[in-house]
Amino acid sequence: MVTSQDARRCTFCKAGNTLRSDQTIAFRQCTDKGYIYCRVTLPMDICNDCGLKSWDDVAEAIIADAVRREYEKISSGLVEPRHAG
């Protein structure tokens, strides 16, 4: 059962409600050492009408931490940097 705390009106379409769900995303970040590839699971708000996905500062912190960890691996020589190609 969805409570009023769990569902919020979508700020984009104004028709649907957003529900919080953990979603896994993969991304790459360009750095001075080359590209860093990461896969993280983020808490996301997803609209049940238009499908808009959005995240908050908690998710941003998870992303920043993943990039920092991978950057440190490259800096310490544990992994080789990858270049787009």
Protein backbone atom coordinates (compact mmCIF):
# COMPACT_ATOMS: atom_id res chain seq x y z
CA MET A 1 0.00 0.00 0.00
CA VAL A 2 1.33 3.44 -0.95
CA THR A 3 1.10 6.11 1.71
CA SER A 4 1.17 9.87 1.16
CA GLN A 5 4.77 9.89 2.44
CA ASP A 6 5.85 7.31 -0.16
CA ALA A 7 4.19 8.94 -3.19
CA ARG A 8 4.68 12.52 -4.35
CA ARG A 9 3.25 14.34 -7.34
CA CYS A 10 5.66 14.37 -10.31
CA THR A 11 7.19 17.82 -10.72
CA PHE A 12 7.58 17.28 -14.47
CA CYS A 13 4.26 15.93 -15.78
CA LYS A 14 2.11 16.88 -12.76
CA ALA A 15 -0.08 13.86 -13.55
CA GLY A 16 1.75 10.94 -12.00
CA ASN A 17 3.10 10.09 -8.59
CA THR A 18 6.74 9.32 -7.88
CA LEU A 19 7.82 6.32 -5.86
CA ARG A 20 11.27 5.71 -4.38
CA SER A 21 13.07 2.68 -5.79
CA ASP A 22 16.68 1.47 -5.86
CA GLN A 23 18.02 1.49 -9.42
CA THR A 24 21.41 0.39 -10.74
CA ILE A 25 23.10 2.69 -13.24
CA ALA A 26 26.39 2.49 -15.10
CA PHE A 27 28.24 5.62 -16.16
CA ARG A 28 31.63 6.98 -17.10
CA GLN A 29 33.34 10.11 -15.86
CA CYS A 30 36.12 11.89 -17.72
CA THR A 31 39.08 12.79 -15.48
CA ASP A 32 42.64 13.96 -15.98
CA LYS A 33 43.68 10.27 -15.82
CA GLY A 34 41.22 9.10 -18.49
CA TYR A 35 37.72 7.72 -18.20
CA ILE A 36 36.48 6.13 -14.99
CA TYR A 37 33.71 3.56 -15.39
CA CYS A 38 31.35 2.95 -12.48
CA ARG A 39 28.23 0.99 -11.63
CA VAL A 40 26.20 2.07 -8.59
CA THR A 41 22.79 1.46 -7.04
CA LEU A 42 20.96 4.69 -6.26
CA PRO A 43 17.73 5.56 -4.50
CA MET A 44 15.62 7.17 -7.27
CA ASP A 45 12.19 8.72 -7.50
CA ILE A 46 10.37 7.34 -10.56
CA CYS A 47 7.11 8.74 -11.94
CA ASN A 48 4.46 6.11 -12.60
CA ASP A 49 2.99 8.20 -15.45
CA CYS A 50 5.81 9.77 -17.50
CA GLY A 51 8.70 7.61 -16.24
CA LEU A 52 10.88 10.55 -15.16
CA LYS A 53 13.73 9.40 -12.94
CA SER A 54 15.33 11.80 -10.49
CA TRP A 55 17.64 11.59 -7.51
CA ASP A 56 18.71 13.65 -4.54
CA ASP A 57 21.87 14.65 -2.67
CA VAL A 58 22.20 11.16 -1.14
CA ALA A 59 22.44 9.65 -4.62
CA GLU A 60 24.90 12.38 -5.71
CA ALA A 61 27.12 11.48 -2.74
CA ILE A 62 27.04 7.81 -3.78
CA ILE A 63 28.11 8.76 -7.31
CA ALA A 64 30.90 11.06 -6.07
CA ASP A 65 32.19 8.34 -3.74
CA ALA A 66 32.25 5.75 -6.52
CA VAL A 67 34.20 8.11 -8.80
CA ARG A 68 36.64 8.95 -5.98
CA ARG A 69 37.29 5.25 -5.24
CA GLU A 70 37.93 4.41 -8.91
CA TYR A 71 40.12 7.50 -9.36
CA GLU A 72 42.23 6.41 -6.37
CA LYS A 73 42.66 2.96 -7.92
CA ILE A 74 44.00 4.53 -11.12
CA SER A 75 46.21 6.96 -9.19
CA SER A 76 47.75 4.13 -7.15
CA GLY A 77 48.36 1.99 -10.25
CA LEU A 78 45.92 -0.77 -9.26
CA VAL A 79 44.05 -0.39 -12.57
CA GLU A 80 44.93 1.10 -15.94
CA PRO A 81 43.04 4.19 -17.12
CA ARG A 82 40.71 3.67 -20.08
CA HIS A 83 40.38 6.11 -22.95
CA ALA A 84 37.27 6.63 -25.05
CA GLY A 85 37.53 5.17 -28.42
